[in-house]
Amino acid sequence: MKKQTFKVQNVKCAGCANTLTTKLAGEFGEIEVNLEVMPREITLEIEDTKTPLLREALKSLGYPMVGEELGFVEHTTAQAKSFVSCAIGKFEVAKS
């Protein structure tokens, strides 16, 4: 495994970052989210063979990788999912 960084769409705030780190931790381990750059970046230890799984997991949460080819419906769905994921992440941060 090697440390890799990926640019991710639709990440807006700490709530989004919390969703990414908690929802992906079980399958991908510790994930760092850089909110200081645009587009946002995630960094994690990952094998190249697991990158397609990460790509799909991110898309399912509404945070596709930059460069991901999405049609209109997929793009709109990703934005809606990221909005919900963000709200859930903010709620979980507030509870802690």
N, C-alpha and C. Protein backbone atom coordinates (compact mmCIF):
# COMPACT_ATOMS: atom_id res chain seq x y z
N MET A 1 0.86 -1.19 0.00
CA MET A 1 0.00 0.00 0.00
C MET A 1 0.89 1.23 0.00
N LYS A 2 0.36 2.26 -0.62
CA LYS A 2 1.08 3.52 -0.63
C LYS A 2 0.11 4.66 -0.37
N LYS A 3 0.64 5.73 0.16
CA LYS A 3 -0.18 6.91 0.45
C LYS A 3 -0.46 7.62 -0.87
N GLN A 4 -1.76 7.87 -1.11
CA GLN A 4 -2.17 8.53 -2.34
C GLN A 4 -3.17 9.63 -2.02
N THR A 5 -3.19 10.63 -2.87
CA THR A 5 -4.10 11.76 -2.72
C THR A 5 -4.99 11.84 -3.95
N PHE A 6 -6.28 12.07 -3.70
CA PHE A 6 -7.27 12.16 -4.77
C PHE A 6 -8.05 13.45 -4.62
N LYS A 7 -8.35 14.11 -5.72
CA LYS A 7 -9.17 15.31 -5.72
C LYS A 7 -10.64 14.88 -5.80
N VAL A 8 -11.46 15.49 -4.94
CA VAL A 8 -12.85 15.06 -4.80
C VAL A 8 -13.79 16.26 -4.96
N GLN A 9 -14.89 16.04 -5.64
CA GLN A 9 -15.90 17.08 -5.87
C GLN A 9 -16.92 17.15 -4.73
N ASN A 10 -17.57 18.27 -4.62
CA ASN A 10 -18.72 18.50 -3.73
C ASN A 10 -18.39 18.55 -2.25
N VAL A 11 -17.13 18.49 -1.85
CA VAL A 11 -16.76 18.58 -0.44
C VAL A 11 -16.70 20.07 -0.09
N LYS A 12 -17.55 20.48 0.85
CA LYS A 12 -17.66 21.90 1.15
C LYS A 12 -17.17 22.28 2.54
N CYS A 13 -17.31 21.37 3.51
CA CYS A 13 -17.08 21.79 4.89
C CYS A 13 -16.64 20.61 5.77
N ALA A 14 -16.50 20.89 7.05
CA ALA A 14 -16.11 19.86 8.01
C ALA A 14 -17.16 18.76 8.12
N GLY A 15 -18.42 19.09 7.89
CA GLY A 15 -19.48 18.07 7.89
C GLY A 15 -19.26 17.05 6.79
N CYS A 16 -18.91 17.54 5.60
CA CYS A 16 -18.59 16.65 4.48
C CYS A 16 -17.37 15.79 4.83
N ALA A 17 -16.36 16.44 5.38
CA ALA A 17 -15.14 15.72 5.75
C ALA A 17 -15.44 14.63 6.78
N ASN A 18 -16.29 14.95 7.75
CA ASN A 18 -16.66 13.96 8.77
C ASN A 18 -17.37 12.77 8.13
N THR A 19 -18.27 13.03 7.20
CA THR A 19 -18.95 11.95 6.51
C THR A 19 -17.95 11.06 5.78
N LEU A 20 -17.02 11.67 5.06
CA LEU A 20 -16.02 10.88 4.32
C LEU A 20 -15.17 10.04 5.26
N THR A 21 -14.69 10.63 6.34
CA THR A 21 -13.80 9.88 7.23
C THR A 21 -14.54 8.76 7.97
N THR A 22 -15.79 8.99 8.36
CA THR A 22 -16.50 7.96 9.11
C THR A 22 -17.08 6.87 8.20
N LYS A 23 -17.66 7.26 7.08
CA LYS A 23 -18.31 6.28 6.20
C LYS A 23 -17.32 5.40 5.45
N LEU A 24 -16.12 5.90 5.21
CA LEU A 24 -15.14 5.14 4.44
C LEU A 24 -14.11 4.43 5.31
N ALA A 25 -14.08 4.72 6.59
CA ALA A 25 -13.05 4.17 7.48
C ALA A 25 -13.06 2.65 7.53
N GLY A 26 -14.23 2.05 7.57
CA GLY A 26 -14.33 0.60 7.68
C GLY A 26 -13.64 -0.14 6.55
N GLU A 27 -13.78 0.37 5.36
CA GLU A 27 -13.21 -0.31 4.19
C GLU A 27 -11.83 0.21 3.80
N PHE A 28 -11.57 1.51 4.08
CA PHE A 28 -10.34 2.11 3.58
C PHE A 28 -9.41 2.64 4.66
N GLY A 29 -9.80 2.52 5.91
CA GLY A 29 -8.93 2.98 7.00
C GLY A 29 -8.99 4.49 7.18
N GLU A 30 -7.94 5.02 7.76
CA GLU A 30 -7.88 6.45 8.08
C GLU A 30 -7.77 7.28 6.80
N ILE A 31 -8.59 8.31 6.73
CA ILE A 31 -8.61 9.21 5.58
C ILE A 31 -8.44 10.63 6.07
N GLU A 32 -7.53 11.36 5.46
CA GLU A 32 -7.33 12.78 5.75
C GLU A 32 -8.06 13.58 4.67
N VAL A 33 -8.78 14.61 5.09
CA VAL A 33 -9.48 15.48 4.14
C VAL A 33 -8.88 16.87 4.25
N ASN A 34 -8.38 17.39 3.14
CA ASN A 34 -7.78 18.72 3.11
C ASN A 34 -8.83 19.72 2.65
N LEU A 35 -9.29 20.55 3.59
CA LEU A 35 -10.29 21.56 3.28
C LEU A 35 -9.65 22.90 2.91
N GLU A 36 -8.32 22.93 2.81
CA GLU A 36 -7.59 24.16 2.51
C GLU A 36 -7.39 24.38 1.02
N VAL A 37 -7.69 23.39 0.20
CA VAL A 37 -7.44 23.50 -1.24
C VAL A 37 -8.75 23.30 -2.00
N MET A 38 -8.77 23.79 -3.23
CA MET A 38 -9.90 23.56 -4.13
C MET A 38 -9.36 22.98 -5.41
N PRO A 39 -9.85 21.92 -5.94
CA PRO A 39 -10.85 21.08 -5.29
C PRO A 39 -10.26 20.39 -4.06
N ARG A 40 -11.14 19.98 -3.18
CA ARG A 40 -10.72 19.33 -1.93
C ARG A 40 -9.98 18.03 -2.25
N GLU A 41 -9.12 17.63 -1.32
CA GLU A 41 -8.34 16.41 -1.50
C GLU A 41 -8.52 15.47 -0.33
N ILE A 42 -8.50 14.17 -0.63
CA ILE A 42 -8.44 13.16 0.42
C ILE A 42 -7.14 12.40 0.24
N THR A 43 -6.55 12.01 1.36
CA THR A 43 -5.30 11.26 1.33
C THR A 43 -5.47 10.03 2.21
N LEU A 44 -5.03 8.89 1.69
CA LEU A 44 -5.12 7.64 2.43
C LEU A 44 -4.12 6.64 1.91
N GLU A 45 -3.86 5.62 2.71
CA GLU A 45 -3.03 4.49 2.31
C GLU A 45 -3.94 3.53 1.56
N ILE A 46 -3.61 3.26 0.29
CA ILE A 46 -4.48 2.41 -0.52
C ILE A 46 -3.67 1.68 -1.58
N GLU A 47 -4.08 0.46 -1.85
CA GLU A 47 -3.49 -0.30 -2.95
C GLU A 47 -4.14 0.17 -4.24
N ASP A 48 -3.37 0.16 -5.32
CA ASP A 48 -3.91 0.59 -6.61
C ASP A 48 -5.14 -0.23 -7.01
N THR A 49 -5.16 -1.49 -6.63
CA THR A 49 -6.29 -2.36 -7.00
C THR A 49 -7.59 -1.95 -6.31
N LYS A 50 -7.51 -1.18 -5.20
CA LYS A 50 -8.71 -0.76 -4.48
C LYS A 50 -9.21 0.62 -4.92
N THR A 51 -8.48 1.27 -5.81
CA THR A 51 -8.89 2.61 -6.26
C THR A 51 -10.27 2.60 -6.91
N PRO A 52 -10.60 1.62 -7.77
CA PRO A 52 -11.96 1.61 -8.33
C PRO A 52 -13.05 1.47 -7.26
N LEU A 53 -12.78 0.71 -6.19
CA LEU A 53 -13.74 0.59 -5.09
C LEU A 53 -13.91 1.93 -4.37
N LEU A 54 -12.80 2.64 -4.16
CA LEU A 54 -12.85 3.95 -3.54
C LEU A 54 -13.65 4.91 -4.42
N ARG A 55 -13.40 4.88 -5.72
CA ARG A 55 -14.11 5.74 -6.67
C ARG A 55 -15.62 5.52 -6.55
N GLU A 56 -16.05 4.26 -6.50
CA GLU A 56 -17.48 3.95 -6.39
C GLU A 56 -18.05 4.35 -5.03
N ALA A 57 -17.27 4.12 -3.97
CA ALA A 57 -17.73 4.50 -2.63
C ALA A 57 -17.92 6.01 -2.52
N LEU A 58 -16.97 6.76 -3.07
CA LEU A 58 -17.09 8.22 -3.06
C LEU A 58 -18.32 8.67 -3.84
N LYS A 59 -18.51 8.09 -5.00
CA LYS A 59 -19.66 8.45 -5.83
C LYS A 59 -20.97 8.14 -5.12
N SER A 60 -21.02 7.01 -4.42
CA SER A 60 -22.26 6.63 -3.73
C SER A 60 -22.61 7.60 -2.59
N LEU A 61 -21.59 8.28 -2.04
CA LEU A 61 -21.83 9.27 -0.99
C LEU A 61 -22.11 10.66 -1.57
N GLY A 62 -21.92 10.82 -2.87
CA GLY A 62 -22.15 12.12 -3.51
C GLY A 62 -20.89 12.94 -3.70
N TYR A 63 -19.73 12.29 -3.54
CA TYR A 63 -18.45 12.98 -3.65
C TYR A 63 -17.57 12.31 -4.72
N PRO A 64 -17.94 12.42 -5.99
CA PRO A 64 -17.13 11.76 -7.03
C PRO A 64 -15.75 12.40 -7.15
N MET A 65 -14.80 11.62 -7.65
CA MET A 65 -13.47 12.15 -7.89
C MET A 65 -13.51 13.16 -9.03
N VAL A 66 -12.63 14.14 -8.96
CA VAL A 66 -12.50 15.11 -10.04
C VAL A 66 -12.12 14.36 -11.31
N GLY A 67 -12.75 14.73 -12.41
CA GLY A 67 -12.48 14.07 -13.68
C GLY A 67 -13.43 12.93 -13.98
N GLU A 68 -14.25 12.58 -13.00
CA GLU A 68 -15.25 11.52 -13.19
C GLU A 68 -16.27 11.98 -14.22
N GLU A 69 -16.47 11.18 -15.23
CA GLU A 69 -17.45 11.52 -16.27
C GLU A 69 -18.85 11.17 -15.77
N LEU A 70 -19.65 12.21 -15.54
CA LEU A 70 -21.01 12.01 -15.05
C LEU A 70 -21.99 12.65 -16.02
N GLY A 71 -23.07 11.95 -16.30
CA GLY A 71 -24.15 12.53 -17.09
C GLY A 71 -24.93 13.50 -16.22
N PHE A 72 -25.91 14.17 -16.82
CA PHE A 72 -26.69 15.16 -16.09
C PHE A 72 -27.36 14.57 -14.86
N VAL A 73 -28.00 13.42 -15.02
CA VAL A 73 -28.71 12.80 -13.89
C VAL A 73 -27.73 12.38 -12.81
N GLU A 74 -26.61 11.75 -13.19
CA GLU A 74 -25.60 11.34 -12.20
C GLU A 74 -25.03 12.56 -11.48
N HIS A 75 -24.75 13.62 -12.21
CA HIS A 75 -24.19 14.83 -11.61
C HIS A 75 -25.17 15.44 -10.61
N THR A 76 -26.42 15.55 -11.01
CA THR A 76 -27.45 16.11 -10.13
C THR A 76 -27.66 15.23 -8.90
N THR A 77 -27.66 13.92 -9.11
CA THR A 77 -27.82 12.98 -8.00
C THR A 77 -26.64 13.09 -7.03
N ALA A 78 -25.44 13.20 -7.56
CA ALA A 78 -24.25 13.34 -6.71
C ALA A 78 -24.33 14.59 -5.86
N GLN A 79 -24.77 15.69 -6.45
CA GLN A 79 -24.91 16.93 -5.69
C GLN A 79 -25.95 16.79 -4.58
N ALA A 80 -27.06 16.14 -4.89
CA ALA A 80 -28.09 15.94 -3.87
C ALA A 80 -27.59 15.04 -2.74
N LYS A 81 -26.90 13.96 -3.11
CA LYS A 81 -26.36 13.04 -2.10
C LYS A 81 -25.34 13.75 -1.22
N SER A 82 -24.49 14.59 -1.83
CA SER A 82 -23.48 15.28 -1.04
C SER A 82 -24.12 16.27 -0.08
N PHE A 83 -25.23 16.88 -0.48
CA PHE A 83 -25.95 17.80 0.39
C PHE A 83 -26.45 17.06 1.63
N VAL A 84 -27.03 15.89 1.42
CA VAL A 84 -27.53 15.08 2.54
C VAL A 84 -26.36 14.57 3.39
N SER A 85 -25.30 14.08 2.75
CA SER A 85 -24.13 13.59 3.48
C SER A 85 -23.52 14.69 4.32
N CYS A 86 -23.48 15.90 3.76
CA CYS A 86 -22.94 17.05 4.49
C CYS A 86 -23.77 17.33 5.74
N ALA A 87 -25.08 17.34 5.59
CA ALA A 87 -25.98 17.61 6.72
C ALA A 87 -25.81 16.56 7.81
N ILE A 88 -25.72 15.30 7.41
CA ILE A 88 -25.52 14.22 8.39
C ILE A 88 -24.17 14.40 9.09
N GLY A 89 -23.14 14.73 8.33
CA GLY A 89 -21.82 14.94 8.91
C GLY A 89 -21.82 16.08 9.90
N LYS A 90 -22.50 17.18 9.58
CA LYS A 90 -22.59 18.31 10.50
C LYS A 90 -23.31 17.92 11.79
N PHE A 91 -24.38 17.16 11.65
CA PHE A 91 -25.14 16.71 12.80
C PHE A 91 -24.27 15.84 13.71
N GLU A 92 -23.51 14.92 13.11
CA GLU A 92 -22.66 14.03 13.90
C GLU A 92 -21.55 14.80 14.59
N VAL A 93 -20.99 15.82 13.93
CA VAL A 93 -19.96 16.65 14.56
C VAL A 93 -20.55 17.40 15.75
N ALA A 94 -21.76 17.93 15.59
CA ALA A 94 -22.42 18.67 16.65
C ALA A 94 -22.73 17.78 17.85
N LYS A 95 -23.06 16.51 17.60
CA LYS A 95 -23.38 15.57 18.68
C LYS A 95 -22.15 15.24 19.51
N SER A 96 -20.99 15.26 18.89
CA SER A 96 -19.76 14.83 19.59
C SER A 96 -19.34 15.79 20.66
